[in-house]
Amino acid sequence: MLLPRDGLCAAASGRYEFPGFDAYIAALAWPDRDDIAALALTLGILCFAVASAVLFLRTRRHLAAVEAAAGDEALASKAAIDRAANPRRLAGGSRRA
């Protein structure tokens, strides 16, 4: 059990003093206007960077899917053109006229 040196309980004394605690409280005092503006600007830039990165990755994924679909469609079109141009190959026979 941890007790202060004089043997009194922390609840009985009303407040327990931490060494250097007042320095932390003084450092966390309400910032002035310049600090608030700098913080808002920094947070705005950070939010913009995150949103831009997310949108970039979503667009990149979407364009990869569109490119894959376009490649499949190009292969299908090329196969259709080949079938239309050479009907004998599909018939399986080698008809000679």
PDB file of N, CA and C in Angstrom:
ATOM      1  N   MET A   1       0.846  -1.170   0.000  1.00  0.00           N
ATOM      2  CA  MET A   1       0.000   0.000   0.000  1.00  0.00           C
ATOM      3  C   MET A   1       0.892   1.235   0.000  1.00  0.00           C
ATOM      4  N   LEU A   2       0.606   2.171  -0.883  1.00  0.00           N
ATOM      5  CA  LEU A   2       1.414   3.374  -0.978  1.00  0.00           C
ATOM      6  C   LEU A   2       0.742   4.503  -0.203  1.00  0.00           C
ATOM      7  N   LEU A   3       1.471   5.060   0.708  1.00  0.00           N
ATOM      8  CA  LEU A   3       0.976   6.192   1.494  1.00  0.00           C
ATOM      9  C   LEU A   3       1.980   7.325   1.421  1.00  0.00           C
ATOM     10  N   PRO A   4       1.525   8.552   1.559  1.00  0.00           N
ATOM     11  CA  PRO A   4       2.472   9.659   1.628  1.00  0.00           C
ATOM     12  C   PRO A   4       3.371   9.505   2.860  1.00  0.00           C
ATOM     13  N   ARG A   5       4.484  10.198   2.896  1.00  0.00           N
ATOM     14  CA  ARG A   5       5.473  10.058   3.967  1.00  0.00           C
ATOM     15  C   ARG A   5       4.930  10.425   5.345  1.00  0.00           C
ATOM     16  N   ASP A   6       4.041  11.379   5.388  1.00  0.00           N
ATOM     17  CA  ASP A   6       3.555  11.778   6.700  1.00  0.00           C
ATOM     18  C   ASP A   6       2.473  10.835   7.220  1.00  0.00           C
ATOM     19  N   GLY A   7       2.116   9.769   6.453  1.00  0.00           N
ATOM     20  CA  GLY A   7       1.189   8.775   6.926  1.00  0.00           C
ATOM     21  C   GLY A   7      -0.263   9.106   6.661  1.00  0.00           C
ATOM     22  N   LEU A   8      -0.565  10.268   6.121  1.00  0.00           N
ATOM     23  CA  LEU A   8      -1.946  10.628   5.839  1.00  0.00           C
ATOM     24  C   LEU A   8      -2.374  10.045   4.502  1.00  0.00           C
ATOM     25  N   CYS A   9      -3.566   9.686   4.440  1.00  0.00           N
ATOM     26  CA  CYS A   9      -4.138   9.157   3.203  1.00  0.00           C
ATOM     27  C   CYS A   9      -4.328  10.306   2.217  1.00  0.00           C
ATOM     28  N   ALA A  10      -4.231  10.001   0.932  1.00  0.00           N
ATOM     29  CA  ALA A  10      -4.387  11.039  -0.088  1.00  0.00           C
ATOM     30  C   ALA A  10      -5.788  11.619  -0.070  1.00  0.00           C
ATOM     31  N   ALA A  11      -6.775  10.808   0.224  1.00  0.00           N
ATOM     32  CA  ALA A  11      -8.147  11.310   0.275  1.00  0.00           C
ATOM     33  C   ALA A  11      -8.352  12.223   1.469  1.00  0.00           C
ATOM     34  N   ALA A  12      -7.657  11.938   2.539  1.00  0.00           N
ATOM     35  CA  ALA A  12      -7.798  12.756   3.745  1.00  0.00           C
ATOM     36  C   ALA A  12      -7.129  14.108   3.573  1.00  0.00           C
ATOM     37  N   SER A  13      -6.044  14.152   2.819  1.00  0.00           N
ATOM     38  CA  SER A  13      -5.339  15.422   2.645  1.00  0.00           C
ATOM     39  C   SER A  13      -6.030  16.300   1.602  1.00  0.00           C
ATOM     40  N   GLY A  14      -6.939  15.723   0.797  1.00  0.00           N
ATOM     41  CA  GLY A  14      -7.679  16.522  -0.167  1.00  0.00           C
ATOM     42  C   GLY A  14      -7.094  16.468  -1.568  1.00  0.00           C
ATOM     43  N   ARG A  15      -5.773  16.521  -1.672  1.00  0.00           N
ATOM     44  CA  ARG A  15      -5.142  16.508  -2.989  1.00  0.00           C
ATOM     45  C   ARG A  15      -3.741  15.946  -2.845  1.00  0.00           C
ATOM     46  N   TYR A  16      -3.400  15.046  -3.757  1.00  0.00           N
ATOM     47  CA  TYR A  16      -2.056  14.478  -3.751  1.00  0.00           C
ATOM     48  C   TYR A  16      -1.228  15.229  -4.777  1.00  0.00           C
ATOM     49  N   GLU A  17      -0.086  15.670  -4.401  1.00  0.00           N
ATOM     50  CA  GLU A  17       0.787  16.447  -5.282  1.00  0.00           C
ATOM     51  C   GLU A  17       1.731  15.519  -6.034  1.00  0.00           C
ATOM     52  N   PHE A  18       1.639  15.583  -7.376  1.00  0.00           N
ATOM     53  CA  PHE A  18       2.573  14.847  -8.202  1.00  0.00           C
ATOM     54  C   PHE A  18       3.741  15.772  -8.529  1.00  0.00           C
ATOM     55  N   PRO A  19       4.951  15.261  -8.488  1.00  0.00           N
ATOM     56  CA  PRO A  19       6.085  16.123  -8.839  1.00  0.00           C
ATOM     57  C   PRO A  19       6.038  16.497 -10.325  1.00  0.00           C
ATOM     58  N   GLY A  20       6.106  17.759 -10.610  1.00  0.00           N
ATOM     59  CA  GLY A  20       6.100  18.251 -11.978  1.00  0.00           C
ATOM     60  C   GLY A  20       4.713  18.324 -12.588  1.00  0.00           C
ATOM     61  N   PHE A  21       3.671  18.013 -11.825  1.00  0.00           N
ATOM     62  CA  PHE A  21       2.307  18.016 -12.353  1.00  0.00           C
ATOM     63  C   PHE A  21       1.873  19.418 -12.761  1.00  0.00           C
ATOM     64  N   ASP A  22       2.277  20.406 -11.999  1.00  0.00           N
ATOM     65  CA  ASP A  22       1.917  21.781 -12.323  1.00  0.00           C
ATOM     66  C   ASP A  22       2.541  22.234 -13.643  1.00  0.00           C
ATOM     67  N   ALA A  23       3.717  21.714 -13.955  1.00  0.00           N
ATOM     68  CA  ALA A  23       4.359  22.055 -15.227  1.00  0.00           C
ATOM     69  C   ALA A  23       3.539  21.517 -16.401  1.00  0.00           C
ATOM     70  N   TYR A  24       2.986  20.305 -16.261  1.00  0.00           N
ATOM     71  CA  TYR A  24       2.153  19.741 -17.321  1.00  0.00           C
ATOM     72  C   TYR A  24       0.866  20.546 -17.486  1.00  0.00           C
ATOM     73  N   ILE A  25       0.292  20.940 -16.377  1.00  0.00           N
ATOM     74  CA  ILE A  25      -0.935  21.736 -16.439  1.00  0.00           C
ATOM     75  C   ILE A  25      -0.661  23.089 -17.092  1.00  0.00           C
ATOM     76  N   ALA A  26       0.459  23.691 -16.768  1.00  0.00           N
ATOM     77  CA  ALA A  26       0.808  24.983 -17.369  1.00  0.00           C
ATOM     78  C   ALA A  26       1.063  24.844 -18.875  1.00  0.00           C
ATOM     79  N   ALA A  27       1.625  23.700 -19.285  1.00  0.00           N
ATOM     80  CA  ALA A  27       1.893  23.487 -20.712  1.00  0.00           C
ATOM     81  C   ALA A  27       0.603  23.246 -21.478  1.00  0.00           C
ATOM     82  N   LEU A  28      -0.418  22.752 -20.805  1.00  0.00           N
ATOM     83  CA  LEU A  28      -1.686  22.472 -21.465  1.00  0.00           C
ATOM     84  C   LEU A  28      -2.680  23.620 -21.335  1.00  0.00           C
ATOM     85  N   ALA A  29      -2.192  24.787 -21.027  1.00  0.00           N
ATOM     86  CA  ALA A  29      -3.078  25.950 -20.915  1.00  0.00           C
ATOM     87  C   ALA A  29      -3.712  26.229 -22.276  1.00  0.00           C
ATOM     88  N   TRP A  30      -4.828  26.927 -22.268  1.00  0.00           N
ATOM     89  CA  TRP A  30      -5.545  27.197 -23.507  1.00  0.00           C
ATOM     90  C   TRP A  30      -4.652  27.936 -24.495  1.00  0.00           C
ATOM     91  N   PRO A  31      -4.531  27.419 -25.733  1.00  0.00           N
ATOM     92  CA  PRO A  31      -3.657  28.068 -26.719  1.00  0.00           C
ATOM     93  C   PRO A  31      -4.252  29.390 -27.211  1.00  0.00           C
ATOM     94  N   ASP A  32      -3.374  30.244 -27.698  1.00  0.00           N
ATOM     95  CA  ASP A  32      -3.849  31.525 -28.232  1.00  0.00           C
ATOM     96  C   ASP A  32      -4.288  31.356 -29.687  1.00  0.00           C
ATOM     97  N   ARG A  33      -4.666  32.441 -30.326  1.00  0.00           N
ATOM     98  CA  ARG A  33      -5.232  32.382 -31.678  1.00  0.00           C
ATOM     99  C   ARG A  33      -4.252  31.820 -32.702  1.00  0.00           C
ATOM    100  N   ASP A  34      -2.988  32.194 -32.597  1.00  0.00           N
ATOM    101  CA  ASP A  34      -1.999  31.710 -33.564  1.00  0.00           C
ATOM    102  C   ASP A  34      -1.852  30.194 -33.481  1.00  0.00           C
ATOM    103  N   ASP A  35      -1.854  29.655 -32.272  1.00  0.00           N
ATOM    104  CA  ASP A  35      -1.733  28.212 -32.113  1.00  0.00           C
ATOM    105  C   ASP A  35      -2.959  27.492 -32.656  1.00  0.00           C
ATOM    106  N   ILE A  36      -4.127  28.068 -32.445  1.00  0.00           N
ATOM    107  CA  ILE A  36      -5.350  27.463 -32.958  1.00  0.00           C
ATOM    108  C   ILE A  36      -5.348  27.490 -34.486  1.00  0.00           C
ATOM    109  N   ALA A  37      -4.907  28.582 -35.075  1.00  0.00           N
ATOM    110  CA  ALA A  37      -4.847  28.678 -36.540  1.00  0.00           C
ATOM    111  C   ALA A  37      -3.838  27.680 -37.107  1.00  0.00           C
ATOM    112  N   ALA A  38      -2.702  27.540 -36.472  1.00  0.00           N
ATOM    113  CA  ALA A  38      -1.690  26.585 -36.941  1.00  0.00           C
ATOM    114  C   ALA A  38      -2.207  25.157 -36.822  1.00  0.00           C
ATOM    115  N   LEU A  39      -2.886  24.864 -35.726  1.00  0.00           N
ATOM    116  CA  LEU A  39      -3.440  23.534 -35.542  1.00  0.00           C
ATOM    117  C   LEU A  39      -4.529  23.241 -36.571  1.00  0.00           C
ATOM    118  N   ALA A  40      -5.388  24.212 -36.833  1.00  0.00           N
ATOM    119  CA  ALA A  40      -6.441  24.031 -37.833  1.00  0.00           C
ATOM    120  C   ALA A  40      -5.850  23.827 -39.229  1.00  0.00           C
ATOM    121  N   LEU A  41      -4.825  24.584 -39.556  1.00  0.00           N
ATOM    122  CA  LEU A  41      -4.175  24.433 -40.853  1.00  0.00           C
ATOM    123  C   LEU A  41      -3.520  23.070 -40.977  1.00  0.00           C
ATOM    124  N   THR A  42      -2.846  22.643 -39.933  1.00  0.00           N
ATOM    125  CA  THR A  42      -2.188  21.338 -39.950  1.00  0.00           C
ATOM    126  C   THR A  42      -3.206  20.215 -40.083  1.00  0.00           C
ATOM    127  N   LEU A  43      -4.276  20.286 -39.323  1.00  0.00           N
ATOM    128  CA  LEU A  43      -5.307  19.257 -39.421  1.00  0.00           C
ATOM    129  C   LEU A  43      -5.998  19.279 -40.785  1.00  0.00           C
ATOM    130  N   GLY A  44      -6.191  20.457 -41.348  1.00  0.00           N
ATOM    131  CA  GLY A  44      -6.782  20.560 -42.676  1.00  0.00           C
ATOM    132  C   GLY A  44      -5.913  19.921 -43.741  1.00  0.00           C
ATOM    133  N   ILE A  45      -4.621  20.170 -43.660  1.00  0.00           N
ATOM    134  CA  ILE A  45      -3.687  19.570 -44.624  1.00  0.00           C
ATOM    135  C   ILE A  45      -3.657  18.057 -44.456  1.00  0.00           C
ATOM    136  N   LEU A  46      -3.668  17.600 -43.218  1.00  0.00           N
ATOM    137  CA  LEU A  46      -3.653  16.160 -42.966  1.00  0.00           C
ATOM    138  C   LEU A  46      -4.930  15.500 -43.493  1.00  0.00           C
ATOM    139  N   CYS A  47      -6.080  16.104 -43.253  1.00  0.00           N
ATOM    140  CA  CYS A  47      -7.344  15.553 -43.760  1.00  0.00           C
ATOM    141  C   CYS A  47      -7.375  15.559 -45.280  1.00  0.00           C
ATOM    142  N   PHE A  48      -6.872  16.613 -45.896  1.00  0.00           N
ATOM    143  CA  PHE A  48      -6.814  16.672 -47.350  1.00  0.00           C
ATOM    144  C   PHE A  48      -5.914  15.576 -47.904  1.00  0.00           C
ATOM    145  N   ALA A  49      -4.779  15.345 -47.267  1.00  0.00           N
ATOM    146  CA  ALA A  49      -3.859  14.309 -47.733  1.00  0.00           C
ATOM    147  C   ALA A  49      -4.486  12.925 -47.628  1.00  0.00           C
ATOM    148  N   VAL A  50      -5.151  12.654 -46.538  1.00  0.00           N
ATOM    149  CA  VAL A  50      -5.783  11.344 -46.356  1.00  0.00           C
ATOM    150  C   VAL A  50      -6.920  11.164 -47.362  1.00  0.00           C
ATOM    151  N   ALA A  51      -7.758  12.171 -47.527  1.00  0.00           N
ATOM    152  CA  ALA A  51      -8.863  12.068 -48.478  1.00  0.00           C
ATOM    153  C   ALA A  51      -8.337  11.907 -49.906  1.00  0.00           C
ATOM    154  N   SER A  52      -7.296  12.636 -50.256  1.00  0.00           N
ATOM    155  CA  SER A  52      -6.717  12.513 -51.598  1.00  0.00           C
ATOM    156  C   SER A  52      -6.147  11.118 -51.825  1.00  0.00           C
ATOM    157  N   ALA A  53      -5.473  10.570 -50.826  1.00  0.00           N
ATOM    158  CA  ALA A  53      -4.907   9.225 -50.961  1.00  0.00           C
ATOM    159  C   ALA A  53      -6.000   8.182 -51.115  1.00  0.00           C
ATOM    160  N   VAL A  54      -7.066   8.300 -50.348  1.00  0.00           N
ATOM    161  CA  VAL A  54      -8.167   7.340 -50.450  1.00  0.00           C
ATOM    162  C   VAL A  54      -8.826   7.429 -51.827  1.00  0.00           C
ATOM    163  N   LEU A  55      -9.096   8.632 -52.286  1.00  0.00           N
ATOM    164  CA  LEU A  55      -9.720   8.788 -53.598  1.00  0.00           C
ATOM    165  C   LEU A  55      -8.806   8.315 -54.724  1.00  0.00           C
ATOM    166  N   PHE A  56      -7.513   8.561 -54.586  1.00  0.00           N
ATOM    167  CA  PHE A  56      -6.556   8.093 -55.591  1.00  0.00           C
ATOM    168  C   PHE A  56      -6.569   6.569 -55.673  1.00  0.00           C
ATOM    169  N   LEU A  57      -6.557   5.901 -54.517  1.00  0.00           N
ATOM    170  CA  LEU A  57      -6.541   4.444 -54.525  1.00  0.00           C
ATOM    171  C   LEU A  57      -7.850   3.866 -55.064  1.00  0.00           C
ATOM    172  N   ARG A  58      -8.977   4.489 -54.731  1.00  0.00           N
ATOM    173  CA  ARG A  58     -10.259   4.013 -55.259  1.00  0.00           C
ATOM    174  C   ARG A  58     -10.311   4.187 -56.769  1.00  0.00           C
ATOM    175  N   THR A  59      -9.838   5.327 -57.266  1.00  0.00           N
ATOM    176  CA  THR A  59      -9.826   5.577 -58.703  1.00  0.00           C
ATOM    177  C   THR A  59      -8.898   4.600 -59.418  1.00  0.00           C
ATOM    178  N   ARG A  60      -7.761   4.342 -58.807  1.00  0.00           N
ATOM    179  CA  ARG A  60      -6.795   3.421 -59.403  1.00  0.00           C
ATOM    180  C   ARG A  60      -7.389   2.018 -59.502  1.00  0.00           C
ATOM    181  N   ARG A  61      -8.064   1.571 -58.452  1.00  0.00           N
ATOM    182  CA  ARG A  61      -8.691   0.244 -58.466  1.00  0.00           C
ATOM    183  C   ARG A  61      -9.803   0.189 -59.522  1.00  0.00           C
ATOM    184  N   HIS A  62     -10.590   1.256 -59.607  1.00  0.00           N
ATOM    185  CA  HIS A  62     -11.675   1.293 -60.597  1.00  0.00           C
ATOM    186  C   HIS A  62     -11.112   1.276 -62.019  1.00  0.00           C
ATOM    187  N   LEU A  63     -10.066   2.040 -62.272  1.00  0.00           N
ATOM    188  CA  LEU A  63      -9.478   2.073 -63.605  1.00  0.00           C
ATOM    189  C   LEU A  63      -8.838   0.739 -63.970  1.00  0.00           C
ATOM    190  N   ALA A  64      -8.291   0.021 -62.988  1.00  0.00           N
ATOM    191  CA  ALA A  64      -7.738  -1.308 -63.262  1.00  0.00           C
ATOM    192  C   ALA A  64      -8.852  -2.271 -63.676  1.00  0.00           C
ATOM    193  N   ALA A  65     -10.008  -2.162 -63.026  1.00  0.00           N
ATOM    194  CA  ALA A  65     -11.140  -3.011 -63.400  1.00  0.00           C
ATOM    195  C   ALA A  65     -11.658  -2.652 -64.790  1.00  0.00           C
ATOM    196  N   VAL A  66     -11.725  -1.369 -65.088  1.00  0.00           N
ATOM    197  CA  VAL A  66     -12.180  -0.929 -66.417  1.00  0.00           C
ATOM    198  C   VAL A  66     -11.199  -1.385 -67.487  1.00  0.00           C
ATOM    199  N   GLU A  67      -9.912  -1.311 -67.194  1.00  0.00           N
ATOM    200  CA  GLU A  67      -8.899  -1.748 -68.162  1.00  0.00           C
ATOM    201  C   GLU A  67      -8.987  -3.251 -68.407  1.00  0.00           C
ATOM    202  N   ALA A  68      -9.217  -4.020 -67.350  1.00  0.00           N
ATOM    203  CA  ALA A  68      -9.353  -5.468 -67.520  1.00  0.00           C
ATOM    204  C   ALA A  68     -10.591  -5.799 -68.355  1.00  0.00           C
ATOM    205  N   ALA A  69     -11.692  -5.101 -68.093  1.00  0.00           N
ATOM    206  CA  ALA A  69     -12.909  -5.333 -68.873  1.00  0.00           C
ATOM    207  C   ALA A  69     -12.704  -4.935 -70.339  1.00  0.00           C
ATOM    208  N   ALA A  70     -11.991  -3.850 -70.569  1.00  0.00           N
ATOM    209  CA  ALA A  70     -11.729  -3.416 -71.943  1.00  0.00           C
ATOM    210  C   ALA A  70     -10.843  -4.426 -72.662  1.00  0.00           C
ATOM    211  N   GLY A  71      -9.871  -4.986 -71.944  1.00  0.00           N
ATOM    212  CA  GLY A  71      -9.020  -6.006 -72.559  1.00  0.00           C
ATOM    213  C   GLY A  71      -9.805  -7.250 -72.918  1.00  0.00           C
ATOM    214  N   ASP A  72     -10.713  -7.672 -72.034  1.00  0.00           N
ATOM    215  CA  ASP A  72     -11.558  -8.825 -72.336  1.00  0.00           C
ATOM    216  C   ASP A  72     -12.466  -8.543 -73.528  1.00  0.00           C
ATOM    217  N   GLU A  73     -13.007  -7.350 -73.573  1.00  0.00           N
ATOM    218  CA  GLU A  73     -13.879  -6.979 -74.692  1.00  0.00           C
ATOM    219  C   GLU A  73     -13.097  -6.917 -76.000  1.00  0.00           C
ATOM    220  N   ALA A  74     -11.858  -6.449 -75.938  1.00  0.00           N
ATOM    221  CA  ALA A  74     -11.031  -6.401 -77.156  1.00  0.00           C
ATOM    222  C   ALA A  74     -10.728  -7.803 -77.669  1.00  0.00           C
ATOM    223  N   LEU A  75     -10.438  -8.727 -76.748  1.00  0.00           N
ATOM    224  CA  LEU A  75     -10.184 -10.109 -77.174  1.00  0.00           C
ATOM    225  C   LEU A  75     -11.441 -10.742 -77.767  1.00  0.00           C
ATOM    226  N   ALA A  76     -12.591 -10.457 -77.157  1.00  0.00           N
ATOM    227  CA  ALA A  76     -13.836 -11.005 -77.686  1.00  0.00           C
ATOM    228  C   ALA A  76     -14.135 -10.430 -79.068  1.00  0.00           C
ATOM    229  N   SER A  77     -13.885  -9.150 -79.262  1.00  0.00           N
ATOM    230  CA  SER A  77     -14.114  -8.523 -80.569  1.00  0.00           C
ATOM    231  C   SER A  77     -13.180  -9.091 -81.625  1.00  0.00           C
ATOM    232  N   LYS A  78     -11.921  -9.299 -81.235  1.00  0.00           N
ATOM    233  CA  LYS A  78     -10.957  -9.857 -82.176  1.00  0.00           C
ATOM    234  C   LYS A  78     -11.347 -11.279 -82.563  1.00  0.00           C
ATOM    235  N   ALA A  79     -11.840 -12.053 -81.607  1.00  0.00           N
ATOM    236  CA  ALA A  79     -12.279 -13.416 -81.912  1.00  0.00           C
ATOM    237  C   ALA A  79     -13.503 -13.396 -82.818  1.00  0.00           C
ATOM    238  N   ALA A  80     -14.413 -12.470 -82.608  1.00  0.00           N
ATOM    239  CA  ALA A  80     -15.601 -12.370 -83.465  1.00  0.00           C
ATOM    240  C   ALA A  80     -15.214 -11.986 -84.888  1.00  0.00           C
ATOM    241  N   ILE A  81     -14.263 -11.095 -85.019  1.00  0.00           N
ATOM    242  CA  ILE A  81     -13.799 -10.690 -86.352  1.00  0.00           C
ATOM    243  C   ILE A  81     -13.137 -11.864 -87.056  1.00  0.00           C
ATOM    244  N   ASP A  82     -12.318 -12.635 -86.309  1.00  0.00           N
ATOM    245  CA  ASP A  82     -11.663 -13.802 -86.904  1.00  0.00           C
ATOM    246  C   ASP A  82     -12.690 -14.846 -87.337  1.00  0.00           C
ATOM    247  N   ARG A  83     -13.738 -15.049 -86.546  1.00  0.00           N
ATOM    248  CA  ARG A  83     -14.780 -16.014 -86.922  1.00  0.00           C
ATOM    249  C   ARG A  83     -15.533 -15.541 -88.164  1.00  0.00           C
ATOM    250  N   ALA A  84     -15.796 -14.259 -88.246  1.00  0.00           N
ATOM    251  CA  ALA A  84     -16.527 -13.736 -89.399  1.00  0.00           C
ATOM    252  C   ALA A  84     -15.676 -13.772 -90.662  1.00  0.00           C
ATOM    253  N   ALA A  85     -14.391 -13.585 -90.524  1.00  0.00           N
ATOM    254  CA  ALA A  85     -13.507 -13.551 -91.691  1.00  0.00           C
ATOM    255  C   ALA A  85     -13.188 -14.941 -92.208  1.00  0.00           C
ATOM    256  N   ASN A  86     -13.153 -15.935 -91.355  1.00  0.00           N
ATOM    257  CA  ASN A  86     -12.780 -17.284 -91.758  1.00  0.00           C
ATOM    258  C   ASN A  86     -13.853 -18.285 -91.310  1.00  0.00           C
ATOM    259  N   PRO A  87     -14.942 -18.400 -92.037  1.00  0.00           N
ATOM    260  CA  PRO A  87     -16.009 -19.314 -91.609  1.00  0.00           C
ATOM    261  C   PRO A  87     -15.650 -20.780 -91.785  1.00  0.00           C
ATOM    262  N   ARG A  88     -14.704 -21.106 -92.642  1.00  0.00           N
ATOM    263  CA  ARG A  88     -14.331 -22.500 -92.888  1.00  0.00           C
ATOM    264  C   ARG A  88     -13.627 -23.122 -91.680  1.00  0.00           C
ATOM    265  N   ARG A  89     -12.893 -22.360 -90.961  1.00  0.00           N
ATOM    266  CA  ARG A  89     -12.162 -22.901 -89.812  1.00  0.00           C
ATOM    267  C   ARG A  89     -13.122 -23.423 -88.745  1.00  0.00           C
ATOM    268  N   LEU A  90     -14.225 -22.754 -88.583  1.00  0.00           N
ATOM    269  CA  LEU A  90     -15.182 -23.163 -87.566  1.00  0.00           C
ATOM    270  C   LEU A  90     -15.991 -24.376 -88.002  1.00  0.00           C
ATOM    271  N   ALA A  91     -16.205 -24.541 -89.308  1.00  0.00           N
ATOM    272  CA  ALA A  91     -17.004 -25.660 -89.801  1.00  0.00           C
ATOM    273  C   ALA A  91     -16.269 -26.977 -89.617  1.00  0.00           C
ATOM    274  N   GLY A  92     -14.978 -26.927 -89.503  1.00  0.00           N
ATOM    275  CA  GLY A  92     -14.207 -28.147 -89.298  1.00  0.00           C
ATOM    276  C   GLY A  92     -13.853 -28.862 -90.593  1.00  0.00           C
ATOM    277  N   GLY A  93     -14.380 -28.453 -91.668  1.00  0.00           N
ATOM    278  CA  GLY A  93     -14.114 -29.125 -92.933  1.00  0.00           C
ATOM    279  C   GLY A  93     -13.209 -28.284 -93.804  1.00  0.00           C
ATOM    280  N   SER A  94     -12.565 -28.933 -94.669  1.00  0.00           N
ATOM    281  CA  SER A  94     -11.742 -28.205 -95.616  1.00  0.00           C
ATOM    282  C   SER A  94     -12.381 -28.313 -96.991  1.00  0.00           C
ATOM    283  N   ARG A  95     -13.375 -27.529 -97.224  1.00  0.00           N
ATOM    284  CA  ARG A  95     -14.089 -27.567 -98.493  1.00  0.00           C
ATOM    285  C   ARG A  95     -13.283 -26.852 -99.557  1.00  0.00           C
ATOM    286  N   ARG A  96     -13.190 -27.498-100.656  1.00  0.00           N
ATOM    287  CA  ARG A  96     -12.496 -26.860-101.763  1.00  0.00           C
ATOM    288  C   ARG A  96     -13.496 -26.626-102.863  1.00  0.00           C
ATOM    289  N   ALA A  97     -13.490 -25.450-103.324  1.00  0.00           N
ATOM    290  CA  ALA A  97     -14.462 -25.100-104.363  1.00  0.00           C
ATOM    291  C   ALA A  97     -13.963 -25.416-105.729  1.00  0.00           C
TER     292      ALA A  97
END
